[in-house]
PDB file of all heavy atoms in Angstrom:
ATOM      1  N   ALA A   1      50.256 108.786  83.185  1.00  0.00           N
ATOM      2  CA  ALA A   1      49.806 109.760  82.201  1.00  0.00           C
ATOM      3  C   ALA A   1      49.200 110.935  82.910  1.00  0.00           C
ATOM      4  O   ALA A   1      49.023 112.102  82.179  1.00  0.00           O
ATOM      5  CB  ALA A   1      48.882 109.189  81.150  1.00  0.00           C
ATOM      6  N   SER A   2      48.807 110.873  83.984  1.00  0.00           N
ATOM      7  CA  SER A   2      48.240 112.070  84.700  1.00  0.00           C
ATOM      8  C   SER A   2      49.233 113.107  85.017  1.00  0.00           C
ATOM      9  O   SER A   2      48.902 114.320  85.252  1.00  0.00           O
ATOM     10  CB  SER A   2      47.645 111.538  86.164  1.00  0.00           C
ATOM     11  OG  SER A   2      48.688 111.241  86.987  1.00  0.00           O
ATOM     12  N   LEU A   3      50.513 112.683  84.980  1.00  0.00           N
ATOM     13  CA  LEU A   3      51.684 113.656  85.135  1.00  0.00           C
ATOM     14  C   LEU A   3      51.699 114.320  86.598  1.00  0.00           C
ATOM     15  O   LEU A   3      52.447 115.287  86.711  1.00  0.00           O
ATOM     16  CB  LEU A   3      51.620 114.786  84.042  1.00  0.00           C
ATOM     17  CG  LEU A   3      51.696 114.264  82.681  1.00  0.00           C
ATOM     18  CD1 LEU A   3      51.637 115.452  81.751  1.00  0.00           C
ATOM     19  CD2 LEU A   3      52.944 113.507  82.328  1.00  0.00           C
ATOM     20  N   GLY A   4      51.140 113.633  87.507  1.00  0.00           N
ATOM     21  CA  GLY A   4      51.291 113.958  88.873  1.00  0.00           C
ATOM     22  C   GLY A   4      52.258 113.091  89.541  1.00  0.00           C
ATOM     23  O   GLY A   4      52.197 111.873  89.415  1.00  0.00           O
ATOM     24  N   PRO A   5      53.256 113.521  90.309  1.00  0.00           N
ATOM     25  CA  PRO A   5      54.260 112.708  90.914  1.00  0.00           C
ATOM     26  C   PRO A   5      53.726 111.572  91.753  1.00  0.00           C
ATOM     27  O   PRO A   5      54.236 110.422  91.697  1.00  0.00           O
ATOM     28  CB  PRO A   5      55.135 113.757  91.673  1.00  0.00           C
ATOM     29  CG  PRO A   5      54.869 115.048  90.980  1.00  0.00           C
ATOM     30  CD  PRO A   5      53.543 115.028  90.546  1.00  0.00           C
ATOM     31  N   PHE A   6      52.723 111.918  92.678  1.00  0.00           N
ATOM     32  CA  PHE A   6      52.201 110.844  93.461  1.00  0.00           C
ATOM     33  C   PHE A   6      51.512 109.779  92.650  1.00  0.00           C
ATOM     34  O   PHE A   6      51.807 108.460  92.814  1.00  0.00           O
ATOM     35  CB  PHE A   6      51.227 111.422  94.450  1.00  0.00           C
ATOM     36  CG  PHE A   6      50.658 110.405  95.353  1.00  0.00           C
ATOM     37  CD1 PHE A   6      51.282 109.740  96.351  1.00  0.00           C
ATOM     38  CD2 PHE A   6      49.309 110.066  95.223  1.00  0.00           C
ATOM     39  CE1 PHE A   6      50.756 108.753  97.247  1.00  0.00           C
ATOM     40  CE2 PHE A   6      48.652 109.094  96.037  1.00  0.00           C
ATOM     41  CZ  PHE A   6      49.421 108.459  97.022  1.00  0.00           C
ATOM     42  N   LEU A   7      50.654 110.153  91.717  1.00  0.00           N
ATOM     43  CA  LEU A   7      50.023 109.235  90.878  1.00  0.00           C
ATOM     44  C   LEU A   7      50.977 108.515  89.945  1.00  0.00           C
ATOM     45  O   LEU A   7      50.797 107.262  89.737  1.00  0.00           O
ATOM     46  CB  LEU A   7      48.869 109.859  90.067  1.00  0.00           C
ATOM     47  CG  LEU A   7      47.776 110.419  90.824  1.00  0.00           C
ATOM     48  CD1 LEU A   7      46.725 111.037  89.812  1.00  0.00           C
ATOM     49  CD2 LEU A   7      46.993 109.263  91.564  1.00  0.00           C
ATOM     50  N   ALA A   8      52.034 109.013  89.559  1.00  0.00           N
ATOM     51  CA  ALA A   8      53.057 108.476  88.733  1.00  0.00           C
ATOM     52  C   ALA A   8      53.794 107.332  89.537  1.00  0.00           C
ATOM     53  O   ALA A   8      54.043 106.286  89.039  1.00  0.00           O
ATOM     54  CB  ALA A   8      53.977 109.470  88.227  1.00  0.00           C
ATOM     55  N   ALA A   9      54.018 107.608  90.815  1.00  0.00           N
ATOM     56  CA  ALA A   9      54.578 106.501  91.715  1.00  0.00           C
ATOM     57  C   ALA A   9      53.691 105.384  91.881  1.00  0.00           C
ATOM     58  O   ALA A   9      54.043 104.200  91.755  1.00  0.00           O
ATOM     59  CB  ALA A   9      54.924 107.236  93.064  1.00  0.00           C
ATOM     60  N   LEU A  10      52.337 105.614  91.982  1.00  0.00           N
ATOM     61  CA  LEU A  10      51.364 104.561  92.102  1.00  0.00           C
ATOM     62  C   LEU A  10      51.319 103.832  90.807  1.00  0.00           C
ATOM     63  O   LEU A  10      51.250 102.598  90.722  1.00  0.00           O
ATOM     64  CB  LEU A  10      49.981 105.116  92.487  1.00  0.00           C
ATOM     65  CG  LEU A  10      49.855 105.644  93.868  1.00  0.00           C
ATOM     66  CD1 LEU A  10      48.323 106.168  94.025  1.00  0.00           C
ATOM     67  CD2 LEU A  10      50.174 104.617  94.922  1.00  0.00           C
ATOM     68  N   GLY A  11      51.569 104.582  89.643  1.00  0.00           N
ATOM     69  CA  GLY A  11      51.560 103.870  88.411  1.00  0.00           C
ATOM     70  C   GLY A  11      52.731 102.988  88.209  1.00  0.00           C
ATOM     71  O   GLY A  11      52.598 101.863  87.560  1.00  0.00           O
ATOM     72  N   ALA A  12      53.830 103.331  88.721  1.00  0.00           N
ATOM     73  CA  ALA A  12      55.032 102.549  88.603  1.00  0.00           C
ATOM     74  C   ALA A  12      54.736 101.106  89.402  1.00  0.00           C
ATOM     75  O   ALA A  12      55.145 100.125  88.957  1.00  0.00           O
ATOM     76  CB  ALA A  12      56.233 103.210  89.143  1.00  0.00           C
ATOM     77  N   ILE A  13      54.130 101.348  90.539  1.00  0.00           N
ATOM     78  CA  ILE A  13      53.790 100.064  91.336  1.00  0.00           C
ATOM     79  C   ILE A  13      52.802  99.141  90.555  1.00  0.00           C
ATOM     80  O   ILE A  13      53.108  98.002  90.504  1.00  0.00           O
ATOM     81  CB  ILE A  13      53.137 100.507  92.670  1.00  0.00           C
ATOM     82  CG1 ILE A  13      54.326 101.165  93.526  1.00  0.00           C
ATOM     83  CG2 ILE A  13      52.724  99.245  93.437  1.00  0.00           C
ATOM     84  CD1 ILE A  13      53.799 101.889  94.851  1.00  0.00           C
ATOM     85  N   ALA A  14      51.761  99.782  90.015  1.00  0.00           N
ATOM     86  CA  ALA A  14      50.886  99.042  89.185  1.00  0.00           C
ATOM     87  C   ALA A  14      51.470  98.363  88.142  1.00  0.00           C
ATOM     88  O   ALA A  14      51.093  97.192  87.760  1.00  0.00           O
ATOM     89  CB  ALA A  14      49.688  99.916  88.763  1.00  0.00           C
ATOM     90  N   LEU A  15      52.392  99.046  87.401  1.00  0.00           N
ATOM     91  CA  LEU A  15      53.107  98.455  86.210  1.00  0.00           C
ATOM     92  C   LEU A  15      54.018  97.221  86.651  1.00  0.00           C
ATOM     93  O   LEU A  15      53.924  96.219  85.989  1.00  0.00           O
ATOM     94  CB  LEU A  15      53.918  99.457  85.587  1.00  0.00           C
ATOM     95  CG  LEU A  15      53.269 100.369  84.467  1.00  0.00           C
ATOM     96  CD1 LEU A  15      54.089 101.518  84.077  1.00  0.00           C
ATOM     97  CD2 LEU A  15      53.014  99.469  83.153  1.00  0.00           C
ATOM     98  N   GLY A  16      54.544  97.346  87.809  1.00  0.00           N
ATOM     99  CA  GLY A  16      55.418  96.216  88.315  1.00  0.00           C
ATOM    100  C   GLY A  16      54.491  94.954  88.667  1.00  0.00           C
ATOM    101  O   GLY A  16      54.808  93.870  88.379  1.00  0.00           O
ATOM    102  N   ILE A  17      53.365  95.280  89.349  1.00  0.00           N
ATOM    103  CA  ILE A  17      52.396  94.140  89.750  1.00  0.00           C
ATOM    104  C   ILE A  17      51.920  93.518  88.520  1.00  0.00           C
ATOM    105  O   ILE A  17      51.823  92.312  88.506  1.00  0.00           O
ATOM    106  CB  ILE A  17      51.138  94.844  90.552  1.00  0.00           C
ATOM    107  CG1 ILE A  17      51.673  95.215  91.862  1.00  0.00           C
ATOM    108  CG2 ILE A  17      50.163  93.795  90.623  1.00  0.00           C
ATOM    109  CD1 ILE A  17      50.638  96.023  92.679  1.00  0.00           C
ATOM    110  N   GLY A  18      51.748  94.261  87.382  1.00  0.00           N
ATOM    111  CA  GLY A  18      51.332  93.623  86.203  1.00  0.00           C
ATOM    112  C   GLY A  18      52.371  92.908  85.410  1.00  0.00           C
ATOM    113  O   GLY A  18      52.090  91.910  84.838  1.00  0.00           O
ATOM    114  N   TYR A  19      53.501  93.438  85.490  1.00  0.00           N
ATOM    115  CA  TYR A  19      54.519  92.796  84.677  1.00  0.00           C
ATOM    116  C   TYR A  19      55.057  91.573  85.239  1.00  0.00           C
ATOM    117  O   TYR A  19      55.519  90.558  84.561  1.00  0.00           O
ATOM    118  CB  TYR A  19      55.710  93.850  84.599  1.00  0.00           C
ATOM    119  CG  TYR A  19      56.747  93.442  83.611  1.00  0.00           C
ATOM    120  CD1 TYR A  19      56.479  93.484  82.156  1.00  0.00           C
ATOM    121  CD2 TYR A  19      57.983  92.941  83.950  1.00  0.00           C
ATOM    122  CE1 TYR A  19      57.358  93.070  81.233  1.00  0.00           C
ATOM    123  CE2 TYR A  19      59.006  92.569  82.964  1.00  0.00           C
ATOM    124  CZ  TYR A  19      58.663  92.626  81.630  1.00  0.00           C
ATOM    125  OH  TYR A  19      59.655  92.235  80.680  1.00  0.00           O
ATOM    126  N   GLY A  20      55.138  91.422  86.598  1.00  0.00           N
ATOM    127  CA  GLY A  20      55.659  90.290  87.279  1.00  0.00           C
ATOM    128  C   GLY A  20      55.171  88.905  86.901  1.00  0.00           C
ATOM    129  O   GLY A  20      56.002  87.955  86.609  1.00  0.00           O
ATOM    130  N   PRO A  21      53.833  88.740  86.821  1.00  0.00           N
ATOM    131  CA  PRO A  21      53.274  87.417  86.502  1.00  0.00           C
ATOM    132  C   PRO A  21      53.328  86.934  85.058  1.00  0.00           C
ATOM    133  O   PRO A  21      53.086  85.807  84.627  1.00  0.00           O
ATOM    134  CB  PRO A  21      51.819  87.525  86.784  1.00  0.00           C
ATOM    135  CG  PRO A  21      51.730  88.753  87.695  1.00  0.00           C
ATOM    136  CD  PRO A  21      52.772  89.650  87.174  1.00  0.00           C
ATOM    137  N   ILE A  22      53.704  87.868  84.060  1.00  0.00           N
ATOM    138  CA  ILE A  22      53.648  87.613  82.650  1.00  0.00           C
ATOM    139  C   ILE A  22      54.514  86.319  82.297  1.00  0.00           C
ATOM    140  O   ILE A  22      54.168  85.482  81.551  1.00  0.00           O
ATOM    141  CB  ILE A  22      54.040  88.863  81.858  1.00  0.00           C
ATOM    142  CG1 ILE A  22      53.053  90.015  82.002  1.00  0.00           C
ATOM    143  CG2 ILE A  22      54.141  88.551  80.395  1.00  0.00           C
ATOM    144  CD1 ILE A  22      51.562  89.735  81.528  1.00  0.00           C
ATOM    145  N   THR A  23      55.842  86.407  82.694  1.00  0.00           N
ATOM    146  CA  THR A  23      56.710  85.405  82.267  1.00  0.00           C
ATOM    147  C   THR A  23      56.516  84.071  82.921  1.00  0.00           C
ATOM    148  O   THR A  23      56.449  82.958  82.295  1.00  0.00           O
ATOM    149  CB  THR A  23      58.204  85.806  82.510  1.00  0.00           C
ATOM    150  OG1 THR A  23      58.506  87.065  81.746  1.00  0.00           O
ATOM    151  CG2 THR A  23      59.261  84.702  82.186  1.00  0.00           C
ATOM    152  N   PRO A  24      56.228  83.990  84.242  1.00  0.00           N
ATOM    153  CA  PRO A  24      55.792  82.744  84.806  1.00  0.00           C
ATOM    154  C   PRO A  24      54.586  82.129  84.128  1.00  0.00           C
ATOM    155  O   PRO A  24      54.493  80.808  83.869  1.00  0.00           O
ATOM    156  CB  PRO A  24      55.478  83.107  86.345  1.00  0.00           C
ATOM    157  CG  PRO A  24      56.264  84.228  86.615  1.00  0.00           C
ATOM    158  CD  PRO A  24      56.325  85.002  85.329  1.00  0.00           C
ATOM    159  N   ALA A  25      53.539  82.851  83.848  1.00  0.00           N
ATOM    160  CA  ALA A  25      52.429  82.449  83.142  1.00  0.00           C
ATOM    161  C   ALA A  25      52.721  81.789  81.817  1.00  0.00           C
ATOM    162  O   ALA A  25      52.201  80.795  81.402  1.00  0.00           O
ATOM    163  CB  ALA A  25      51.283  83.500  83.056  1.00  0.00           C
ATOM    164  N   SER A  26      53.554  82.516  81.009  1.00  0.00           N
ATOM    165  CA  SER A  26      53.811  82.002  79.715  1.00  0.00           C
ATOM    166  C   SER A  26      54.676  80.846  79.641  1.00  0.00           C
ATOM    167  O   SER A  26      54.598  79.882  78.895  1.00  0.00           O
ATOM    168  CB  SER A  26      54.510  83.148  78.884  1.00  0.00           C
ATOM    169  OG  SER A  26      55.716  83.465  79.456  1.00  0.00           O
ATOM    170  N   SER A  27      55.551  80.762  80.644  1.00  0.00           N
ATOM    171  CA  SER A  27      56.496  79.530  80.805  1.00  0.00           C
ATOM    172  C   SER A  27      55.597  78.342  81.183  1.00  0.00           C
ATOM    173  O   SER A  27      55.875  77.311  80.706  1.00  0.00           O
ATOM    174  CB  SER A  27      57.502  79.796  81.905  1.00  0.00           C
ATOM    175  OG  SER A  27      58.437  80.666  81.626  1.00  0.00           O
ATOM    176  N   ASP A  28      54.572  78.527  82.023  1.00  0.00           N
ATOM    177  CA  ASP A  28      53.710  77.449  82.326  1.00  0.00           C
ATOM    178  C   ASP A  28      52.949  76.976  81.065  1.00  0.00           C
ATOM    179  O   ASP A  28      52.955  75.735  80.817  1.00  0.00           O
ATOM    180  CB  ASP A  28      52.636  77.866  83.351  1.00  0.00           C
ATOM    181  CG  ASP A  28      51.579  76.816  83.566  1.00  0.00           C
ATOM    182  OD1 ASP A  28      51.882  75.799  84.235  1.00  0.00           O
ATOM    183  OD2 ASP A  28      50.488  77.022  83.102  1.00  0.00           O
ATOM    184  N   ILE A  29      52.500  77.702  80.199  1.00  0.00           N
ATOM    185  CA  ILE A  29      51.923  77.383  78.943  1.00  0.00           C
ATOM    186  C   ILE A  29      52.797  76.713  78.016  1.00  0.00           C
ATOM    187  O   ILE A  29      52.500  75.634  77.508  1.00  0.00           O
ATOM    188  CB  ILE A  29      51.310  78.632  78.179  1.00  0.00           C
ATOM    189  CG1 ILE A  29      50.103  79.219  79.042  1.00  0.00           C
ATOM    190  CG2 ILE A  29      50.763  78.250  76.832  1.00  0.00           C
ATOM    191  CD1 ILE A  29      49.635  80.542  78.444  1.00  0.00           C
ATOM    192  N   LEU A  30      54.000  77.263  77.888  1.00  0.00           N
ATOM    193  CA  LEU A  30      54.934  76.688  76.860  1.00  0.00           C
ATOM    194  C   LEU A  30      55.519  75.350  77.401  1.00  0.00           C
ATOM    195  O   LEU A  30      55.880  74.390  76.587  1.00  0.00           O
ATOM    196  CB  LEU A  30      56.023  77.658  76.493  1.00  0.00           C
ATOM    197  CG  LEU A  30      55.547  79.021  75.806  1.00  0.00           C
ATOM    198  CD1 LEU A  30      56.712  79.862  75.589  1.00  0.00           C
ATOM    199  CD2 LEU A  30      54.814  78.668  74.534  1.00  0.00           C
ATOM    200  N   ALA A  31      55.730  75.238  78.670  1.00  0.00           N
ATOM    201  CA  ALA A  31      56.368  73.992  79.178  1.00  0.00           C
ATOM    202  C   ALA A  31      55.273  72.833  78.986  1.00  0.00           C
ATOM    203  O   ALA A  31      55.763  71.713  78.837  1.00  0.00           O
ATOM    204  CB  ALA A  31      56.667  74.170  80.672  1.00  0.00           C
ATOM    205  N   ARG A  32      54.053  73.107  78.998  1.00  0.00           N
ATOM    206  CA  ARG A  32      52.999  72.157  78.708  1.00  0.00           C
ATOM    207  C   ARG A  32      52.721  71.844  77.215  1.00  0.00           C
ATOM    208  O   ARG A  32      52.167  70.791  76.945  1.00  0.00           O
ATOM    209  CB  ARG A  32      51.737  72.425  79.526  1.00  0.00           C
ATOM    210  CG  ARG A  32      51.773  72.586  80.885  1.00  0.00           C
ATOM    211  CD  ARG A  32      50.477  72.779  81.641  1.00  0.00           C
ATOM    212  NE  ARG A  32      50.039  74.149  81.593  1.00  0.00           N
ATOM    213  CZ  ARG A  32      48.969  74.602  80.836  1.00  0.00           C
ATOM    214  NH1 ARG A  32      48.344  73.766  80.083  1.00  0.00           N
ATOM    215  NH2 ARG A  32      48.670  75.868  80.779  1.00  0.00           N
ATOM    216  N   THR A  33      53.149  72.634  76.411  1.00  0.00           N
ATOM    217  CA  THR A  33      52.751  72.485  74.942  1.00  0.00           C
ATOM    218  C   THR A  33      53.924  72.348  74.081  1.00  0.00           C
ATOM    219  O   THR A  33      53.779  72.300  72.860  1.00  0.00           O
ATOM    220  CB  THR A  33      51.992  73.656  74.559  1.00  0.00           C
ATOM    221  OG1 THR A  33      52.759  75.028  74.741  1.00  0.00           O
ATOM    222  CG2 THR A  33      50.604  73.829  75.305  1.00  0.00           C
ATOM    223  N   THR A  34      55.219  72.393  74.631  1.00  0.00           N
ATOM    224  CA  THR A  34      56.416  72.286  73.735  1.00  0.00           C
ATOM    225  C   THR A  34      57.144  71.048  73.982  1.00  0.00           C
ATOM    226  O   THR A  34      57.475  70.717  75.114  1.00  0.00           O
ATOM    227  CB  THR A  34      57.268  73.553  74.000  1.00  0.00           C
ATOM    228  OG1 THR A  34      56.558  74.718  73.775  1.00  0.00           O
ATOM    229  CG2 THR A  34      58.499  73.557  73.132  1.00  0.00           C
ATOM    230  N   PRO A  35      57.681  70.333  73.007  1.00  0.00           N
ATOM    231  CA  PRO A  35      58.615  69.173  73.193  1.00  0.00           C
ATOM    232  C   PRO A  35      59.887  69.579  73.833  1.00  0.00           C
ATOM    233  O   PRO A  35      60.313  70.783  73.509  1.00  0.00           O
ATOM    234  CB  PRO A  35      58.845  68.763  71.736  1.00  0.00           C
ATOM    235  CG  PRO A  35      57.685  69.243  70.886  1.00  0.00           C
ATOM    236  CD  PRO A  35      57.260  70.602  71.576  1.00  0.00           C
ATOM    237  N   ALA A  36      60.379  68.838  74.633  1.00  0.00           N
ATOM    238  CA  ALA A  36      61.522  69.288  75.442  1.00  0.00           C
ATOM    239  C   ALA A  36      62.747  69.577  74.601  1.00  0.00           C
ATOM    240  O   ALA A  36      63.581  70.488  74.919  1.00  0.00           O
ATOM    241  CB  ALA A  36      61.920  68.206  76.406  1.00  0.00           C
ATOM    242  N   ASP A  37      62.987  68.847  73.393  1.00  0.00           N
ATOM    243  CA  ASP A  37      64.009  69.197  72.537  1.00  0.00           C
ATOM    244  C   ASP A  37      64.036  70.534  71.850  1.00  0.00           C
ATOM    245  O   ASP A  37      64.949  70.841  71.152  1.00  0.00           O
ATOM    246  CB  ASP A  37      64.351  68.083  71.654  1.00  0.00           C
ATOM    247  CG  ASP A  37      63.130  67.795  70.767  1.00  0.00           C
ATOM    248  OD1 ASP A  37      62.113  68.413  70.872  1.00  0.00           O
ATOM    249  OD2 ASP A  37      63.415  66.999  69.800  1.00  0.00           O
ATOM    250  N   ARG A  38      62.928  71.245  71.905  1.00  0.00           N
ATOM    251  CA  ARG A  38      62.685  72.532  71.229  1.00  0.00           C
ATOM    252  C   ARG A  38      62.466  73.689  72.275  1.00  0.00           C
ATOM    253  O   ARG A  38      62.232  74.735  71.946  1.00  0.00           O
ATOM    254  CB  ARG A  38      61.503  72.400  70.442  1.00  0.00           C
ATOM    255  CG  ARG A  38      61.605  71.415  69.226  1.00  0.00           C
ATOM    256  CD  ARG A  38      60.211  71.428  68.461  1.00  0.00           C
ATOM    257  NE  ARG A  38      59.926  72.666  67.886  1.00  0.00           N
ATOM    258  CZ  ARG A  38      58.658  73.236  67.697  1.00  0.00           C
ATOM    259  NH1 ARG A  38      57.654  72.484  68.023  1.00  0.00           N
ATOM    260  NH2 ARG A  38      58.430  74.421  67.247  1.00  0.00           N
ATOM    261  N   TYR A  39      62.805  73.333  73.566  1.00  0.00           N
ATOM    262  CA  TYR A  39      62.618  74.420  74.525  1.00  0.00           C
ATOM    263  C   TYR A  39      63.323  75.642  74.310  1.00  0.00           C
ATOM    264  O   TYR A  39      62.709  76.650  74.401  1.00  0.00           O
ATOM    265  CB  TYR A  39      62.964  73.826  75.950  1.00  0.00           C
ATOM    266  CG  TYR A  39      61.958  73.093  76.800  1.00  0.00           C
ATOM    267  CD1 TYR A  39      60.639  72.921  76.138  1.00  0.00           C
ATOM    268  CD2 TYR A  39      62.106  72.834  78.153  1.00  0.00           C
ATOM    269  CE1 TYR A  39      59.728  72.166  76.944  1.00  0.00           C
ATOM    270  CE2 TYR A  39      61.126  72.150  78.816  1.00  0.00           C
ATOM    271  CZ  TYR A  39      59.841  71.961  78.291  1.00  0.00           C
ATOM    272  OH  TYR A  39      58.893  71.372  79.021  1.00  0.00           O
ATOM    273  N   ALA A  40      64.640  75.557  74.114  1.00  0.00           N
ATOM    274  CA  ALA A  40      65.474  76.741  73.945  1.00  0.00           C
ATOM    275  C   ALA A  40      64.929  77.598  72.889  1.00  0.00           C
ATOM    276  O   ALA A  40      64.795  78.841  73.036  1.00  0.00           O
ATOM    277  CB  ALA A  40      66.980  76.427  73.798  1.00  0.00           C
ATOM    278  N   LEU A  41      64.677  77.112  71.689  1.00  0.00           N
ATOM    279  CA  LEU A  41      64.211  77.832  70.499  1.00  0.00           C
ATOM    280  C   LEU A  41      62.836  78.383  70.740  1.00  0.00           C
ATOM    281  O   LEU A  41      62.613  79.613  70.549  1.00  0.00           O
ATOM    282  CB  LEU A  41      64.333  76.921  69.238  1.00  0.00           C
ATOM    283  CG  LEU A  41      63.837  77.664  67.956  1.00  0.00           C
ATOM    284  CD1 LEU A  41      64.702  78.900  67.789  1.00  0.00           C
ATOM    285  CD2 LEU A  41      63.947  76.747  66.814  1.00  0.00           C
ATOM    286  N   VAL A  42      61.836  77.584  71.234  1.00  0.00           N
ATOM    287  CA  VAL A  42      60.625  78.081  71.406  1.00  0.00           C
ATOM    288  C   VAL A  42      60.473  79.142  72.504  1.00  0.00           C
ATOM    289  O   VAL A  42      59.813  80.219  72.421  1.00  0.00           O
ATOM    290  CB  VAL A  42      59.608  76.982  71.833  1.00  0.00           C
ATOM    291  CG1 VAL A  42      58.246  77.460  72.259  1.00  0.00           C
ATOM    292  CG2 VAL A  42      59.449  76.016  70.533  1.00  0.00           C
TER     293      VAL A  42
END
């Protein structure tokens, strides 16, 4: 949002660092709390 090319590049890196763990974390939660026969739907 600073609209500076260098800071925007750093922002892209920060967004990637943040986005990467989201799915593994949620998969860990759902694998522990969901019956196996409902995996695909949940």
